[in-house]
């Protein structure tokens, strides 16, 4: 059996997870939460991660009932993400790799979300809607790449919701998007908003003055177009915004009309976590990939379709 530990810290979540042949053994996480009306700065976020990462590492090993000798590979988020937090987590992962004498593996954050979603939901070959604070992409697998069929041309949907929350001073605890969702459930009147779909891409910057139903309608539309192009009968929603039950409900209506299946996970796995990096690392390691120490850098820009998917046929 192959055991991989994964370190994730590309934004305001710091998580360390352990995967053993498709089984999540542990997945502790901490969140850097700022006061209402404020975002999180890279340097402050990195300091938060540095203060708690060793505690989270200890929790991950204890919850899994494992020792360093039981680990086969150390995976970490190579990118994309915020520079300072990425560097801090990569430094710890490199140190652990050397202290434990284990191979190191840099993982694309987006690929981590996809592979975790596939593991948990058992979706076979879905059209993927990846929605988070830093990314908005419609993705499908083809010829050893996760191909991007559509994406935002300005800001990500999660960033759009976060910035809206800051303007009207909505709490960041547990997250701005969650609190917007709870407030929207109490609404009874739909306000018509700018709807900007350009081919397979979307634009959210002009909608910041408005918000939530229209944003999700745009995402459902471009996902359905990608499904039609690929002949797909499965949709998998991943990323932090994927926890939103209204988005899942709207996507479910579209899928039902097409006779397709919808797959989604809960906040344990759709929000950034270490287990998703461990799972992607497990797939990569089993296919023969490792990252040499001199190549274990990070990058804030690392597109999903740059990764050769050596573990899928």
C-alpha atoms as a PDB file:
ATOM      1  CA  UNK A   1       0.000   0.000   0.000  1.00  0.00           C
ATOM      2  CA  UNK A   2       1.136   3.550  -0.785  1.00  0.00           C
ATOM      3  CA  UNK A   3       0.799   6.298   1.839  1.00  0.00           C
ATOM      4  CA  UNK A   4       1.132   9.963   0.843  1.00  0.00           C
ATOM      5  CA  UNK A   5       1.017  13.046   3.081  1.00  0.00           C
ATOM      6  CA  UNK A   6      -0.120  16.291   1.474  1.00  0.00           C
ATOM      7  CA  UNK A   7       0.580  19.893   2.518  1.00  0.00           C
ATOM      8  CA  UNK A   8      -1.852  22.604   1.319  1.00  0.00           C
ATOM      9  CA  UNK A   9      -1.520  26.312   2.072  1.00  0.00           C
ATOM     10  CA  UNK A  10      -2.092  28.297  -1.118  1.00  0.00           C
ATOM     11  CA  UNK A  11      -4.554  30.778   0.421  1.00  0.00           C
ATOM     12  CA  UNK A  12      -6.107  31.279   3.874  1.00  0.00           C
ATOM     13  CA  UNK A  13      -6.451  27.558   4.681  1.00  0.00           C
ATOM     14  CA  UNK A  14      -3.569  25.461   5.973  1.00  0.00           C
ATOM     15  CA  UNK A  15      -4.233  21.728   5.815  1.00  0.00           C
ATOM     16  CA  UNK A  16      -2.296  18.484   6.014  1.00  0.00           C
ATOM     17  CA  UNK A  17      -3.898  15.228   4.922  1.00  0.00           C
ATOM     18  CA  UNK A  18      -2.821  11.605   4.637  1.00  0.00           C
ATOM     19  CA  UNK A  19      -4.120   9.207   1.978  1.00  0.00           C
ATOM     20  CA  UNK A  20      -3.566   5.453   1.822  1.00  0.00           C
ATOM     21  CA  UNK A  21      -4.729   3.832  -1.410  1.00  0.00           C
ATOM     22  CA  UNK A  22      -7.881   5.942  -1.725  1.00  0.00           C
ATOM     23  CA  UNK A  23      -8.651   6.063   2.006  1.00  0.00           C
ATOM     24  CA  UNK A  24      -8.543   9.404   3.844  1.00  0.00           C
ATOM     25  CA  UNK A  25      -6.719   8.651   7.092  1.00  0.00           C
ATOM     26  CA  UNK A  26      -6.615  12.236   8.386  1.00  0.00           C
ATOM     27  CA  UNK A  27      -7.313  15.744   7.142  1.00  0.00           C
ATOM     28  CA  UNK A  28      -6.918  18.472   9.843  1.00  0.00           C
ATOM     29  CA  UNK A  29      -7.137  22.111   8.758  1.00  0.00           C
ATOM     30  CA  UNK A  30      -6.936  25.678  10.105  1.00  0.00           C
ATOM     31  CA  UNK A  31      -8.350  28.876   8.598  1.00  0.00           C
ATOM     32  CA  UNK A  32      -6.946  32.393   8.801  1.00  0.00           C
ATOM     33  CA  UNK A  33     -10.012  34.583   9.466  1.00  0.00           C
ATOM     34  CA  UNK A  34      -9.885  38.376   9.263  1.00  0.00           C
ATOM     35  CA  UNK A  35     -12.393  40.925  10.658  1.00  0.00           C
ATOM     36  CA  UNK A  36     -15.498  41.858   8.579  1.00  0.00           C
ATOM     37  CA  UNK A  37     -14.675  44.196   5.717  1.00  0.00           C
ATOM     38  CA  UNK A  38     -11.083  42.977   5.426  1.00  0.00           C
ATOM     39  CA  UNK A  39      -9.390  40.495   3.118  1.00  0.00           C
ATOM     40  CA  UNK A  40      -6.292  38.454   3.952  1.00  0.00           C
ATOM     41  CA  UNK A  41      -2.848  39.746   3.038  1.00  0.00           C
ATOM     42  CA  UNK A  42      -0.187  37.267   1.814  1.00  0.00           C
ATOM     43  CA  UNK A  43       2.357  38.106   4.527  1.00  0.00           C
ATOM     44  CA  UNK A  44      -0.192  37.890   7.353  1.00  0.00           C
ATOM     45  CA  UNK A  45      -1.552  34.625   5.945  1.00  0.00           C
ATOM     46  CA  UNK A  46       1.943  33.135   5.778  1.00  0.00           C
ATOM     47  CA  UNK A  47       2.590  34.106   9.411  1.00  0.00           C
ATOM     48  CA  UNK A  48      -0.649  32.395  10.426  1.00  0.00           C
ATOM     49  CA  UNK A  49       0.321  29.216   8.577  1.00  0.00           C
ATOM     50  CA  UNK A  50       3.814  29.228  10.075  1.00  0.00           C
ATOM     51  CA  UNK A  51       2.383  29.503  13.590  1.00  0.00           C
ATOM     52  CA  UNK A  52       0.111  26.453  13.283  1.00  0.00           C
ATOM     53  CA  UNK A  53       1.619  24.124  10.648  1.00  0.00           C
ATOM     54  CA  UNK A  54       3.612  21.931  13.021  1.00  0.00           C
ATOM     55  CA  UNK A  55       0.548  21.494  15.239  1.00  0.00           C
ATOM     56  CA  UNK A  56      -1.514  20.497  12.196  1.00  0.00           C
ATOM     57  CA  UNK A  57       1.235  18.071  11.104  1.00  0.00           C
ATOM     58  CA  UNK A  58       1.227  16.424  14.517  1.00  0.00           C
ATOM     59  CA  UNK A  59      -2.578  16.132  14.392  1.00  0.00           C
ATOM     60  CA  UNK A  60      -2.459  14.562  10.923  1.00  0.00           C
ATOM     61  CA  UNK A  61      -0.023  11.856  12.014  1.00  0.00           C
ATOM     62  CA  UNK A  62      -1.829  11.158  15.301  1.00  0.00           C
ATOM     63  CA  UNK A  63      -5.281  10.954  13.676  1.00  0.00           C
ATOM     64  CA  UNK A  64      -3.920   8.581  11.039  1.00  0.00           C
ATOM     65  CA  UNK A  65      -2.123   6.498  13.664  1.00  0.00           C
ATOM     66  CA  UNK A  66       1.085   6.668  11.642  1.00  0.00           C
ATOM     67  CA  UNK A  67       4.734   7.532  12.131  1.00  0.00           C
ATOM     68  CA  UNK A  68       7.045   9.282   9.644  1.00  0.00           C
ATOM     69  CA  UNK A  69       8.502   5.885   8.706  1.00  0.00           C
ATOM     70  CA  UNK A  70       5.057   4.845   7.419  1.00  0.00           C
ATOM     71  CA  UNK A  71       4.925   7.663   4.847  1.00  0.00           C
ATOM     72  CA  UNK A  72       6.036   6.871   1.281  1.00  0.00           C
ATOM     73  CA  UNK A  73       5.906  10.344  -0.294  1.00  0.00           C
ATOM     74  CA  UNK A  74       5.564  14.011   0.753  1.00  0.00           C
ATOM     75  CA  UNK A  75       3.331  16.082  -1.561  1.00  0.00           C
ATOM     76  CA  UNK A  76       2.893  19.849  -1.419  1.00  0.00           C
ATOM     77  CA  UNK A  77       1.032  22.550  -3.349  1.00  0.00           C
ATOM     78  CA  UNK A  78       3.350  23.934  -6.016  1.00  0.00           C
ATOM     79  CA  UNK A  79       0.760  26.481  -7.187  1.00  0.00           C
ATOM     80  CA  UNK A  80      -1.258  28.399  -8.141  1.00  0.00           C
ATOM     81  CA  UNK A  81      -1.901  30.566  -5.109  1.00  0.00           C
ATOM     82  CA  UNK A  82      -0.550  33.389  -2.964  1.00  0.00           C
ATOM     83  CA  UNK A  83       3.239  33.630  -3.026  1.00  0.00           C
ATOM     84  CA  UNK A  84       4.141  33.974   0.652  1.00  0.00           C
ATOM     85  CA  UNK A  85       1.871  31.169   1.957  1.00  0.00           C
ATOM     86  CA  UNK A  86       2.983  28.855  -0.873  1.00  0.00           C
ATOM     87  CA  UNK A  87       6.662  29.447  -0.049  1.00  0.00           C
ATOM     88  CA  UNK A  88       6.125  28.843   3.660  1.00  0.00           C
ATOM     89  CA  UNK A  89       4.324  25.521   3.142  1.00  0.00           C
ATOM     90  CA  UNK A  90       6.785  24.366   0.465  1.00  0.00           C
ATOM     91  CA  UNK A  91       9.670  25.075   2.848  1.00  0.00           C
ATOM     92  CA  UNK A  92       8.128  22.873   5.543  1.00  0.00           C
ATOM     93  CA  UNK A  93       7.342  20.105   3.024  1.00  0.00           C
ATOM     94  CA  UNK A  94      10.933  20.164   1.712  1.00  0.00           C
ATOM     95  CA  UNK A  95      12.301  20.025   5.259  1.00  0.00           C
ATOM     96  CA  UNK A  96      10.028  17.120   6.219  1.00  0.00           C
ATOM     97  CA  UNK A  97      10.987  15.274   3.040  1.00  0.00           C
ATOM     98  CA  UNK A  98      14.677  15.546   3.860  1.00  0.00           C
ATOM     99  CA  UNK A  99      14.320  14.781   7.579  1.00  0.00           C
ATOM    100  CA  UNK A 100      12.206  11.702   6.887  1.00  0.00           C
ATOM    101  CA  UNK A 101      14.182  10.621   3.830  1.00  0.00           C
ATOM    102  CA  UNK A 102      11.068  10.527   1.628  1.00  0.00           C
ATOM    103  CA  UNK A 103      10.589  11.587  -2.023  1.00  0.00           C
ATOM    104  CA  UNK A 104       9.008  14.982  -2.648  1.00  0.00           C
ATOM    105  CA  UNK A 105       6.249  15.830  -5.134  1.00  0.00           C
ATOM    106  CA  UNK A 106       4.902  19.243  -6.203  1.00  0.00           C
ATOM    107  CA  UNK A 107       1.181  19.208  -6.994  1.00  0.00           C
ATOM    108  CA  UNK A 108      -1.023  21.567  -9.001  1.00  0.00           C
ATOM    109  CA  UNK A 109      -3.695  22.914  -6.627  1.00  0.00           C
ATOM    110  CA  UNK A 110      -6.465  22.659  -9.228  1.00  0.00           C
ATOM    111  CA  UNK A 111      -5.579  19.047 -10.032  1.00  0.00           C
ATOM    112  CA  UNK A 112      -5.794  18.320  -6.317  1.00  0.00           C
ATOM    113  CA  UNK A 113      -9.404  19.528  -6.235  1.00  0.00           C
ATOM    114  CA  UNK A 114     -10.325  17.430  -9.272  1.00  0.00           C
ATOM    115  CA  UNK A 115      -8.717  14.207  -8.087  1.00  0.00           C
ATOM    116  CA  UNK A 116     -10.213  14.576  -4.597  1.00  0.00           C
ATOM    117  CA  UNK A 117     -13.645  15.111  -6.127  1.00  0.00           C
ATOM    118  CA  UNK A 118     -13.254  12.043  -8.329  1.00  0.00           C
ATOM    119  CA  UNK A 119     -12.145   9.946  -5.358  1.00  0.00           C
ATOM    120  CA  UNK A 120     -14.951  10.964  -3.009  1.00  0.00           C
ATOM    121  CA  UNK A 121     -17.845  10.975  -5.513  1.00  0.00           C
ATOM    122  CA  UNK A 122     -16.680   8.081  -7.726  1.00  0.00           C
ATOM    123  CA  UNK A 123     -17.464  10.180 -10.799  1.00  0.00           C
ATOM    124  CA  UNK A 124     -15.959   8.450 -13.840  1.00  0.00           C
ATOM    125  CA  UNK A 125     -15.155  11.083 -16.471  1.00  0.00           C
ATOM    126  CA  UNK A 126     -17.094  14.226 -15.566  1.00  0.00           C
ATOM    127  CA  UNK A 127     -17.197  17.726 -16.933  1.00  0.00           C
ATOM    128  CA  UNK A 128     -15.709  19.659 -14.006  1.00  0.00           C
ATOM    129  CA  UNK A 129     -16.802  23.079 -12.764  1.00  0.00           C
ATOM    130  CA  UNK A 130     -13.929  24.362 -10.628  1.00  0.00           C
ATOM    131  CA  UNK A 131     -15.034  27.398  -8.602  1.00  0.00           C
ATOM    132  CA  UNK A 132     -12.998  28.977  -5.810  1.00  0.00           C
ATOM    133  CA  UNK A 133     -11.584  32.238  -4.521  1.00  0.00           C
ATOM    134  CA  UNK A 134      -8.829  32.302  -7.106  1.00  0.00           C
ATOM    135  CA  UNK A 135     -10.127  30.173  -9.971  1.00  0.00           C
ATOM    136  CA  UNK A 136     -13.194  29.717 -12.162  1.00  0.00           C
ATOM    137  CA  UNK A 137     -12.827  27.083 -14.881  1.00  0.00           C
ATOM    138  CA  UNK A 138     -14.903  24.546 -16.819  1.00  0.00           C
ATOM    139  CA  UNK A 139     -12.664  21.525 -17.396  1.00  0.00           C
ATOM    140  CA  UNK A 140     -12.810  18.160 -19.164  1.00  0.00           C
ATOM    141  CA  UNK A 141     -10.192  15.424 -19.511  1.00  0.00           C
ATOM    142  CA  UNK A 142      -8.797  14.607 -22.962  1.00  0.00           C
ATOM    143  CA  UNK A 143      -5.539  13.028 -24.118  1.00  0.00           C
ATOM    144  CA  UNK A 144      -3.596  13.207 -20.843  1.00  0.00           C
ATOM    145  CA  UNK A 145      -4.593  16.776 -20.003  1.00  0.00           C
ATOM    146  CA  UNK A 146      -7.384  18.452 -18.085  1.00  0.00           C
ATOM    147  CA  UNK A 147      -8.519  20.811 -20.837  1.00  0.00           C
ATOM    148  CA  UNK A 148      -9.997  24.208 -19.950  1.00  0.00           C
ATOM    149  CA  UNK A 149     -13.143  24.818 -22.007  1.00  0.00           C
ATOM    150  CA  UNK A 150     -14.128  28.089 -20.359  1.00  0.00           C
ATOM    151  CA  UNK A 151     -12.969  30.374 -17.562  1.00  0.00           C
ATOM    152  CA  UNK A 152     -13.334  33.821 -16.062  1.00  0.00           C
ATOM    153  CA  UNK A 153     -11.748  36.626 -18.056  1.00  0.00           C
ATOM    154  CA  UNK A 154     -11.283  38.842 -14.995  1.00  0.00           C
ATOM    155  CA  UNK A 155     -11.906  37.838 -11.347  1.00  0.00           C
ATOM    156  CA  UNK A 156     -12.818  34.418  -9.949  1.00  0.00           C
ATOM    157  CA  UNK A 157     -16.348  33.783  -8.687  1.00  0.00           C
ATOM    158  CA  UNK A 158     -15.131  33.263  -5.111  1.00  0.00           C
ATOM    159  CA  UNK A 159     -13.203  36.525  -5.215  1.00  0.00           C
ATOM    160  CA  UNK A 160     -16.332  38.247  -6.537  1.00  0.00           C
ATOM    161  CA  UNK A 161     -18.390  36.962  -3.593  1.00  0.00           C
ATOM    162  CA  UNK A 162     -15.633  37.767  -1.083  1.00  0.00           C
ATOM    163  CA  UNK A 163     -15.284  41.344  -2.302  1.00  0.00           C
ATOM    164  CA  UNK A 164     -19.035  41.846  -2.228  1.00  0.00           C
ATOM    165  CA  UNK A 165     -19.070  40.578   1.362  1.00  0.00           C
ATOM    166  CA  UNK A 166     -16.324  43.030   2.310  1.00  0.00           C
ATOM    167  CA  UNK A 167     -18.262  45.971   0.847  1.00  0.00           C
ATOM    168  CA  UNK A 168     -21.341  45.288   2.977  1.00  0.00           C
ATOM    169  CA  UNK A 169     -19.299  44.096   6.012  1.00  0.00           C
ATOM    170  CA  UNK A 170     -20.469  40.473   6.045  1.00  0.00           C
ATOM    171  CA  UNK A 171     -18.528  38.291   8.495  1.00  0.00           C
ATOM    172  CA  UNK A 172     -15.582  36.220   7.250  1.00  0.00           C
ATOM    173  CA  UNK A 173     -16.366  33.495   9.812  1.00  0.00           C
ATOM    174  CA  UNK A 174     -16.588  30.699   8.703  1.00  0.00           C
ATOM    175  CA  UNK A 175     -16.407  32.223   5.189  1.00  0.00           C
ATOM    176  CA  UNK A 176     -17.954  35.144   3.279  1.00  0.00           C
ATOM    177  CA  UNK A 177     -19.508  32.862   0.659  1.00  0.00           C
ATOM    178  CA  UNK A 178     -21.238  30.725   3.282  1.00  0.00           C
ATOM    179  CA  UNK A 179     -22.692  33.765   5.007  1.00  0.00           C
ATOM    180  CA  UNK A 180     -23.928  35.213   1.699  1.00  0.00           C
ATOM    181  CA  UNK A 181     -25.636  31.895   0.987  1.00  0.00           C
ATOM    182  CA  UNK A 182     -27.451  31.920   4.349  1.00  0.00           C
ATOM    183  CA  UNK A 183     -28.651  35.509   3.794  1.00  0.00           C
ATOM    184  CA  UNK A 184     -29.799  34.703   0.246  1.00  0.00           C
ATOM    185  CA  UNK A 185     -31.986  31.865   1.539  1.00  0.00           C
ATOM    186  CA  UNK A 186     -34.082  34.475   3.341  1.00  0.00           C
ATOM    187  CA  UNK A 187     -34.630  36.551   0.193  1.00  0.00           C
ATOM    188  CA  UNK A 188     -37.848  36.434  -1.803  1.00  0.00           C
ATOM    189  CA  UNK A 189     -37.271  38.920  -4.641  1.00  0.00           C
ATOM    190  CA  UNK A 190     -35.009  38.332  -7.634  1.00  0.00           C
ATOM    191  CA  UNK A 191     -33.173  41.422  -8.801  1.00  0.00           C
ATOM    192  CA  UNK A 192     -32.139  41.394 -12.467  1.00  0.00           C
ATOM    193  CA  UNK A 193     -28.360  41.813 -12.779  1.00  0.00           C
ATOM    194  CA  UNK A 194     -25.760  42.104 -15.563  1.00  0.00           C
ATOM    195  CA  UNK A 195     -25.343  38.684 -17.225  1.00  0.00           C
ATOM    196  CA  UNK A 196     -21.990  38.437 -19.004  1.00  0.00           C
ATOM    197  CA  UNK A 197     -21.225  35.193 -20.833  1.00  0.00           C
ATOM    198  CA  UNK A 198     -18.796  35.592 -23.710  1.00  0.00           C
ATOM    199  CA  UNK A 199     -18.657  32.355 -25.664  1.00  0.00           C
ATOM    200  CA  UNK A 200     -17.376  29.819 -23.142  1.00  0.00           C
ATOM    201  CA  UNK A 201     -15.990  32.466 -20.767  1.00  0.00           C
ATOM    202  CA  UNK A 202     -17.595  34.601 -18.063  1.00  0.00           C
ATOM    203  CA  UNK A 203     -16.962  38.035 -16.560  1.00  0.00           C
ATOM    204  CA  UNK A 204     -17.705  38.853 -12.924  1.00  0.00           C
ATOM    205  CA  UNK A 205     -16.082  42.255 -12.391  1.00  0.00           C
ATOM    206  CA  UNK A 206     -19.113  44.206 -13.574  1.00  0.00           C
ATOM    207  CA  UNK A 207     -21.522  42.278 -11.365  1.00  0.00           C
ATOM    208  CA  UNK A 208     -19.815  43.149  -8.082  1.00  0.00           C
ATOM    209  CA  UNK A 209     -22.417  45.791  -7.374  1.00  0.00           C
ATOM    210  CA  UNK A 210     -25.155  43.148  -7.540  1.00  0.00           C
ATOM    211  CA  UNK A 211     -24.826  39.325  -6.820  1.00  0.00           C
ATOM    212  CA  UNK A 212     -25.600  35.618  -6.271  1.00  0.00           C
ATOM    213  CA  UNK A 213     -28.320  33.992  -8.441  1.00  0.00           C
ATOM    214  CA  UNK A 214     -27.126  35.519 -11.700  1.00  0.00           C
ATOM    215  CA  UNK A 215     -23.498  34.547 -11.043  1.00  0.00           C
ATOM    216  CA  UNK A 216     -24.457  30.886 -10.659  1.00  0.00           C
ATOM    217  CA  UNK A 217     -26.718  30.960 -13.731  1.00  0.00           C
ATOM    218  CA  UNK A 218     -23.723  32.009 -15.814  1.00  0.00           C
ATOM    219  CA  UNK A 219     -21.678  29.100 -14.454  1.00  0.00           C
ATOM    220  CA  UNK A 220     -24.439  26.585 -15.165  1.00  0.00           C
ATOM    221  CA  UNK A 221     -24.727  27.856 -18.752  1.00  0.00           C
ATOM    222  CA  UNK A 222     -21.059  27.463 -19.645  1.00  0.00           C
ATOM    223  CA  UNK A 223     -20.922  24.053 -17.909  1.00  0.00           C
ATOM    224  CA  UNK A 224     -23.849  22.842 -19.997  1.00  0.00           C
ATOM    225  CA  UNK A 225     -22.125  24.030 -23.161  1.00  0.00           C
ATOM    226  CA  UNK A 226     -18.990  22.083 -22.256  1.00  0.00           C
ATOM    227  CA  UNK A 227     -21.095  18.978 -21.578  1.00  0.00           C
ATOM    228  CA  UNK A 228     -22.702  19.269 -24.998  1.00  0.00           C
ATOM    229  CA  UNK A 229     -19.312  19.648 -26.666  1.00  0.00           C
ATOM    230  CA  UNK A 230     -17.834  16.633 -24.854  1.00  0.00           C
ATOM    231  CA  UNK A 231     -20.935  14.455 -24.935  1.00  0.00           C
ATOM    232  CA  UNK A 232     -20.631  14.209 -21.150  1.00  0.00           C
ATOM    233  CA  UNK A 233     -23.330  12.883 -18.825  1.00  0.00           C
ATOM    234  CA  UNK A 234     -21.585  13.785 -15.557  1.00  0.00           C
ATOM    235  CA  UNK A 235     -20.848  17.078 -13.801  1.00  0.00           C
ATOM    236  CA  UNK A 236     -18.446  17.384 -10.867  1.00  0.00           C
ATOM    237  CA  UNK A 237     -18.337  20.638  -8.894  1.00  0.00           C
ATOM    238  CA  UNK A 238     -15.076  21.251  -6.997  1.00  0.00           C
ATOM    239  CA  UNK A 239     -13.458  24.177  -5.177  1.00  0.00           C
ATOM    240  CA  UNK A 240     -14.554  26.181  -2.159  1.00  0.00           C
ATOM    241  CA  UNK A 241     -17.575  27.758  -3.866  1.00  0.00           C
ATOM    242  CA  UNK A 242     -18.689  24.236  -4.787  1.00  0.00           C
ATOM    243  CA  UNK A 243     -20.031  23.871  -1.216  1.00  0.00           C
ATOM    244  CA  UNK A 244     -22.812  26.331  -2.048  1.00  0.00           C
ATOM    245  CA  UNK A 245     -26.078  24.394  -1.970  1.00  0.00           C
ATOM    246  CA  UNK A 246     -27.847  26.871  -4.252  1.00  0.00           C
ATOM    247  CA  UNK A 247     -25.181  26.364  -6.931  1.00  0.00           C
ATOM    248  CA  UNK A 248     -25.564  22.603  -6.529  1.00  0.00           C
ATOM    249  CA  UNK A 249     -29.350  22.923  -6.764  1.00  0.00           C
ATOM    250  CA  UNK A 250     -29.226  25.009  -9.957  1.00  0.00           C
ATOM    251  CA  UNK A 251     -26.686  22.666 -11.544  1.00  0.00           C
ATOM    252  CA  UNK A 252     -28.851  19.716 -10.512  1.00  0.00           C
ATOM    253  CA  UNK A 253     -31.846  21.136 -12.385  1.00  0.00           C
ATOM    254  CA  UNK A 254     -29.783  21.453 -15.559  1.00  0.00           C
ATOM    255  CA  UNK A 255     -28.413  17.922 -15.162  1.00  0.00           C
ATOM    256  CA  UNK A 256     -31.871  16.474 -14.621  1.00  0.00           C
ATOM    257  CA  UNK A 257     -33.127  18.134 -17.796  1.00  0.00           C
ATOM    258  CA  UNK A 258     -30.248  16.552 -19.726  1.00  0.00           C
ATOM    259  CA  UNK A 259     -30.548  13.160 -18.030  1.00  0.00           C
ATOM    260  CA  UNK A 260     -27.081  13.655 -16.522  1.00  0.00           C
ATOM    261  CA  UNK A 261     -25.652  13.034 -13.041  1.00  0.00           C
ATOM    262  CA  UNK A 262     -24.360  15.713 -10.659  1.00  0.00           C
ATOM    263  CA  UNK A 263     -21.497  15.015  -8.262  1.00  0.00           C
ATOM    264  CA  UNK A 264     -20.355  17.323  -5.444  1.00  0.00           C
ATOM    265  CA  UNK A 265     -18.647  17.069  -2.063  1.00  0.00           C
ATOM    266  CA  UNK A 266     -19.213  18.787   1.267  1.00  0.00           C
ATOM    267  CA  UNK A 267     -16.997  21.320   3.040  1.00  0.00           C
ATOM    268  CA  UNK A 268     -14.575  18.613   4.243  1.00  0.00           C
ATOM    269  CA  UNK A 269     -13.242  18.141   0.736  1.00  0.00           C
ATOM    270  CA  UNK A 270     -14.389  21.011  -1.507  1.00  0.00           C
ATOM    271  CA  UNK A 271     -12.692  23.658   0.645  1.00  0.00           C
ATOM    272  CA  UNK A 272      -8.882  23.664   0.365  1.00  0.00           C
ATOM    273  CA  UNK A 273      -7.454  20.737   2.342  1.00  0.00           C
ATOM    274  CA  UNK A 274      -4.334  18.641   2.637  1.00  0.00           C
ATOM    275  CA  UNK A 275      -5.960  15.348   1.650  1.00  0.00           C
ATOM    276  CA  UNK A 276      -6.652  16.610  -1.870  1.00  0.00           C
ATOM    277  CA  UNK A 277      -2.941  17.326  -2.359  1.00  0.00           C
ATOM    278  CA  UNK A 278      -2.158  13.904  -0.903  1.00  0.00           C
ATOM    279  CA  UNK A 279      -4.609  12.227  -3.288  1.00  0.00           C
ATOM    280  CA  UNK A 280      -3.248  13.966  -6.384  1.00  0.00           C
ATOM    281  CA  UNK A 281       0.247  13.218  -5.107  1.00  0.00           C
ATOM    282  CA  UNK A 282      -0.726   9.562  -4.646  1.00  0.00           C
ATOM    283  CA  UNK A 283      -1.867   9.342  -8.269  1.00  0.00           C
ATOM    284  CA  UNK A 284       1.274  11.100  -9.523  1.00  0.00           C
ATOM    285  CA  UNK A 285       3.670   9.093  -7.339  1.00  0.00           C
ATOM    286  CA  UNK A 286       2.118   5.788  -8.399  1.00  0.00           C
ATOM    287  CA  UNK A 287       2.618   6.795 -12.052  1.00  0.00           C
ATOM    288  CA  UNK A 288       6.326   7.346 -11.440  1.00  0.00           C
ATOM    289  CA  UNK A 289       6.530  11.098 -10.812  1.00  0.00           C
ATOM    290  CA  UNK A 290       8.756  12.738  -8.189  1.00  0.00           C
ATOM    291  CA  UNK A 291      10.112  16.276  -7.739  1.00  0.00           C
ATOM    292  CA  UNK A 292      13.828  16.687  -7.196  1.00  0.00           C
ATOM    293  CA  UNK A 293      14.824  19.098  -4.429  1.00  0.00           C
ATOM    294  CA  UNK A 294      16.316  21.624  -6.868  1.00  0.00           C
ATOM    295  CA  UNK A 295      13.011  21.654  -8.772  1.00  0.00           C
ATOM    296  CA  UNK A 296      10.786  22.047  -5.704  1.00  0.00           C
ATOM    297  CA  UNK A 297       9.957  25.692  -6.288  1.00  0.00           C
ATOM    298  CA  UNK A 298       6.498  27.275  -6.208  1.00  0.00           C
ATOM    299  CA  UNK A 299       4.631  29.373  -8.755  1.00  0.00           C
ATOM    300  CA  UNK A 300       1.667  31.687  -8.307  1.00  0.00           C
ATOM    301  CA  UNK A 301       0.552  30.975 -11.879  1.00  0.00           C
ATOM    302  CA  UNK A 302       0.148  27.310 -12.729  1.00  0.00           C
ATOM    303  CA  UNK A 303      -2.675  26.488 -15.107  1.00  0.00           C
ATOM    304  CA  UNK A 304      -4.612  23.247 -14.879  1.00  0.00           C
ATOM    305  CA  UNK A 305      -3.869  22.345 -18.493  1.00  0.00           C
ATOM    306  CA  UNK A 306      -0.090  22.639 -18.008  1.00  0.00           C
ATOM    307  CA  UNK A 307       0.013  19.321 -16.120  1.00  0.00           C
ATOM    308  CA  UNK A 308       0.521  16.066 -18.028  1.00  0.00           C
ATOM    309  CA  UNK A 309      -1.956  13.622 -16.475  1.00  0.00           C
ATOM    310  CA  UNK A 310       0.193  10.491 -16.513  1.00  0.00           C
ATOM    311  CA  UNK A 311      -2.131   8.493 -14.234  1.00  0.00           C
ATOM    312  CA  UNK A 312      -5.215   8.415 -16.496  1.00  0.00           C
ATOM    313  CA  UNK A 313      -5.745   6.549 -19.771  1.00  0.00           C
END
